[in-house]
Amino acid sequence: MKKNIFLIIFLFVSAITFADKPKTETVKIKTSAICEQCKETIEKKLAFTKGVVESKVDIDSKDKITTVTFNPKKTTADKIRKSIAEVGYDADGILAVPAGYEKLADCCKKGAIKE
């Protein structure tokens, strides 16, 4: 009887320890973000994008890189790029959606002079 209890406990602990944890991937996306408002807009959109675990826009870098960690079972890097484009920013080779771009503040549009 003790052996059976020990075996059941061992199997239960093993199952928990080796359970398939969701794997994540990270992608770096070059964006047309310019300012802090751009950063907030992109990060807010990605926070509500299915499968995105975390996002960070680096507006201080030369290429304005957005680093996104996501669950590949729920979304893809291309879907993430499209989400960024929907709010009005270029994302790698995907151009900003015109409807989203028109809603951006003037300081967030391409060619805006950064003060």
C-alpha atoms as a PDB file:
ATOM      1  CA  MET A   1       0.000   0.000   0.000  1.00  0.00           C
ATOM      2  CA  LYS A   2       2.820   2.401   0.887  1.00  0.00           C
ATOM      3  CA  LYS A   3       4.518   1.611  -2.411  1.00  0.00           C
ATOM      4  CA  ASN A   4       1.355   2.487  -4.323  1.00  0.00           C
ATOM      5  CA  ILE A   5       0.986   5.818  -2.528  1.00  0.00           C
ATOM      6  CA  PHE A   6       4.644   6.595  -3.104  1.00  0.00           C
ATOM      7  CA  LEU A   7       4.285   5.714  -6.791  1.00  0.00           C
ATOM      8  CA  ILE A   8       1.198   7.918  -7.206  1.00  0.00           C
ATOM      9  CA  ILE A   9       2.910  10.861  -5.505  1.00  0.00           C
ATOM     10  CA  PHE A  10       6.030  10.354  -7.616  1.00  0.00           C
ATOM     11  CA  LEU A  11       4.015  10.287 -10.850  1.00  0.00           C
ATOM     12  CA  PHE A  12       2.044  13.384  -9.840  1.00  0.00           C
ATOM     13  CA  VAL A  13       5.203  15.366  -9.009  1.00  0.00           C
ATOM     14  CA  SER A  14       6.851  14.205 -12.226  1.00  0.00           C
ATOM     15  CA  ALA A  15       3.849  15.247 -14.284  1.00  0.00           C
ATOM     16  CA  ILE A  16       3.880  18.730 -12.769  1.00  0.00           C
ATOM     17  CA  THR A  17       7.634  19.123 -13.136  1.00  0.00           C
ATOM     18  CA  PHE A  18       7.800  18.045 -16.747  1.00  0.00           C
ATOM     19  CA  ALA A  19       4.503  19.527 -17.921  1.00  0.00           C
ATOM     20  CA  ASP A  20       4.709  21.226 -21.298  1.00  0.00           C
ATOM     21  CA  LYS A  21       5.164  24.877 -20.464  1.00  0.00           C
ATOM     22  CA  PRO A  22       4.136  27.325 -23.168  1.00  0.00           C
ATOM     23  CA  LYS A  23       7.164  28.312 -25.202  1.00  0.00           C
ATOM     24  CA  THR A  24       7.680  31.894 -26.265  1.00  0.00           C
ATOM     25  CA  GLU A  25       9.530  33.507 -29.128  1.00  0.00           C
ATOM     26  CA  THR A  26      10.966  36.979 -29.434  1.00  0.00           C
ATOM     27  CA  VAL A  27      10.974  39.124 -32.554  1.00  0.00           C
ATOM     28  CA  LYS A  28      12.589  42.502 -33.184  1.00  0.00           C
ATOM     29  CA  ILE A  29      10.604  44.777 -35.506  1.00  0.00           C
ATOM     30  CA  LYS A  30      11.837  48.037 -37.016  1.00  0.00           C
ATOM     31  CA  THR A  31       9.101  50.665 -36.703  1.00  0.00           C
ATOM     32  CA  SER A  32       8.496  54.272 -37.721  1.00  0.00           C
ATOM     33  CA  ALA A  33       7.945  55.349 -34.109  1.00  0.00           C
ATOM     34  CA  ILE A  34       9.313  58.788 -33.270  1.00  0.00           C
ATOM     35  CA  CYS A  35       8.342  59.890 -29.772  1.00  0.00           C
ATOM     36  CA  GLU A  36       7.090  58.750 -26.381  1.00  0.00           C
ATOM     37  CA  GLN A  37       3.485  58.954 -27.611  1.00  0.00           C
ATOM     38  CA  CYS A  38       4.339  56.557 -30.449  1.00  0.00           C
ATOM     39  CA  LYS A  39       5.875  54.176 -27.918  1.00  0.00           C
ATOM     40  CA  GLU A  40       2.734  54.263 -25.760  1.00  0.00           C
ATOM     41  CA  THR A  41       0.424  53.733 -28.752  1.00  0.00           C
ATOM     42  CA  ILE A  42       2.329  50.710 -30.059  1.00  0.00           C
ATOM     43  CA  GLU A  43       2.789  49.109 -26.637  1.00  0.00           C
ATOM     44  CA  LYS A  44      -0.906  49.608 -25.801  1.00  0.00           C
ATOM     45  CA  LYS A  45      -1.980  47.990 -29.089  1.00  0.00           C
ATOM     46  CA  LEU A  46       0.341  45.038 -28.535  1.00  0.00           C
ATOM     47  CA  ALA A  47      -0.850  44.599 -24.951  1.00  0.00           C
ATOM     48  CA  PHE A  48      -4.281  43.785 -26.387  1.00  0.00           C
ATOM     49  CA  THR A  49      -2.962  41.619 -29.229  1.00  0.00           C
ATOM     50  CA  LYS A  50      -3.688  37.925 -28.687  1.00  0.00           C
ATOM     51  CA  GLY A  51      -0.586  35.908 -27.905  1.00  0.00           C
ATOM     52  CA  VAL A  52       1.684  38.844 -27.066  1.00  0.00           C
ATOM     53  CA  VAL A  53       3.357  38.340 -23.693  1.00  0.00           C
ATOM     54  CA  GLU A  54       5.475  41.496 -23.579  1.00  0.00           C
ATOM     55  CA  SER A  55       6.498  44.379 -25.814  1.00  0.00           C
ATOM     56  CA  LYS A  56       9.032  47.184 -25.558  1.00  0.00           C
ATOM     57  CA  VAL A  57       9.560  50.018 -28.022  1.00  0.00           C
ATOM     58  CA  ASP A  58      13.048  51.534 -27.998  1.00  0.00           C
ATOM     59  CA  ILE A  59      12.616  55.035 -29.444  1.00  0.00           C
ATOM     60  CA  ASP A  60      16.188  55.945 -28.509  1.00  0.00           C
ATOM     61  CA  SER A  61      17.721  53.419 -30.901  1.00  0.00           C
ATOM     62  CA  LYS A  62      18.560  54.401 -34.487  1.00  0.00           C
ATOM     63  CA  ASP A  63      16.112  51.908 -36.015  1.00  0.00           C
ATOM     64  CA  LYS A  64      13.289  52.388 -33.425  1.00  0.00           C
ATOM     65  CA  ILE A  65      13.199  48.674 -32.631  1.00  0.00           C
ATOM     66  CA  THR A  66      10.156  47.093 -31.022  1.00  0.00           C
ATOM     67  CA  THR A  67      10.987  43.875 -29.186  1.00  0.00           C
ATOM     68  CA  VAL A  68       8.005  41.561 -28.784  1.00  0.00           C
ATOM     69  CA  THR A  69       7.805  38.296 -26.849  1.00  0.00           C
ATOM     70  CA  PHE A  70       4.866  36.150 -27.918  1.00  0.00           C
ATOM     71  CA  ASN A  71       3.329  32.684 -27.785  1.00  0.00           C
ATOM     72  CA  PRO A  72       3.752  31.172 -31.280  1.00  0.00           C
ATOM     73  CA  LYS A  73       0.733  28.916 -30.715  1.00  0.00           C
ATOM     74  CA  LYS A  74      -1.507  32.001 -30.530  1.00  0.00           C
ATOM     75  CA  THR A  75       0.032  34.467 -32.995  1.00  0.00           C
ATOM     76  CA  THR A  76       2.824  35.008 -35.512  1.00  0.00           C
ATOM     77  CA  ALA A  77       5.423  37.699 -36.121  1.00  0.00           C
ATOM     78  CA  ASP A  78       3.522  38.780 -39.255  1.00  0.00           C
ATOM     79  CA  LYS A  79       0.296  39.239 -37.280  1.00  0.00           C
ATOM     80  CA  ILE A  80       2.211  41.374 -34.797  1.00  0.00           C
ATOM     81  CA  ARG A  81       3.607  43.501 -37.639  1.00  0.00           C
ATOM     82  CA  LYS A  82       0.080  43.932 -38.992  1.00  0.00           C
ATOM     83  CA  SER A  83      -1.142  45.041 -35.540  1.00  0.00           C
ATOM     84  CA  ILE A  84       1.533  47.727 -35.460  1.00  0.00           C
ATOM     85  CA  ALA A  85       0.606  48.824 -38.997  1.00  0.00           C
ATOM     86  CA  GLU A  86      -3.087  49.049 -38.022  1.00  0.00           C
ATOM     87  CA  VAL A  87      -2.332  51.812 -35.505  1.00  0.00           C
ATOM     88  CA  GLY A  88      -0.436  53.826 -38.117  1.00  0.00           C
ATOM     89  CA  TYR A  89       3.229  52.796 -37.974  1.00  0.00           C
ATOM     90  CA  ASP A  90       5.443  50.994 -40.458  1.00  0.00           C
ATOM     91  CA  ALA A  91       6.594  47.606 -39.192  1.00  0.00           C
ATOM     92  CA  ASP A  92       9.557  46.145 -41.069  1.00  0.00           C
ATOM     93  CA  GLY A  93       8.294  45.808 -44.650  1.00  0.00           C
ATOM     94  CA  ILE A  94       4.615  46.381 -43.845  1.00  0.00           C
ATOM     95  CA  LEU A  95       3.488  49.965 -44.416  1.00  0.00           C
ATOM     96  CA  ALA A  96       1.203  51.774 -41.995  1.00  0.00           C
ATOM     97  CA  VAL A  97      -2.523  51.407 -42.632  1.00  0.00           C
ATOM     98  CA  PRO A  98      -3.729  54.825 -43.910  1.00  0.00           C
ATOM     99  CA  ALA A  99      -6.754  54.938 -41.568  1.00  0.00           C
ATOM    100  CA  GLY A 100      -4.506  54.380 -38.543  1.00  0.00           C
ATOM    101  CA  TYR A 101      -1.869  56.803 -39.792  1.00  0.00           C
ATOM    102  CA  GLU A 102      -4.403  59.617 -40.179  1.00  0.00           C
ATOM    103  CA  LYS A 103      -5.417  59.228 -36.514  1.00  0.00           C
ATOM    104  CA  LEU A 104      -1.852  59.792 -35.279  1.00  0.00           C
ATOM    105  CA  ALA A 105      -0.865  63.082 -33.697  1.00  0.00           C
ATOM    106  CA  ASP A 106       1.164  65.343 -36.003  1.00  0.00           C
ATOM    107  CA  CYS A 107       4.329  64.701 -33.993  1.00  0.00           C
ATOM    108  CA  CYS A 108       3.998  60.970 -34.674  1.00  0.00           C
ATOM    109  CA  LYS A 109       3.798  61.206 -38.453  1.00  0.00           C
ATOM    110  CA  LYS A 110       6.757  60.473 -40.723  1.00  0.00           C
ATOM    111  CA  GLY A 111       8.939  63.477 -41.339  1.00  0.00           C
ATOM    112  CA  ALA A 112       7.741  65.234 -38.187  1.00  0.00           C
ATOM    113  CA  ILE A 113      10.400  67.466 -36.698  1.00  0.00           C
ATOM    114  CA  LYS A 114      11.428  66.168 -33.325  1.00  0.00           C
ATOM    115  CA  GLU A 115      11.974  69.001 -30.855  1.00  0.00           C
END
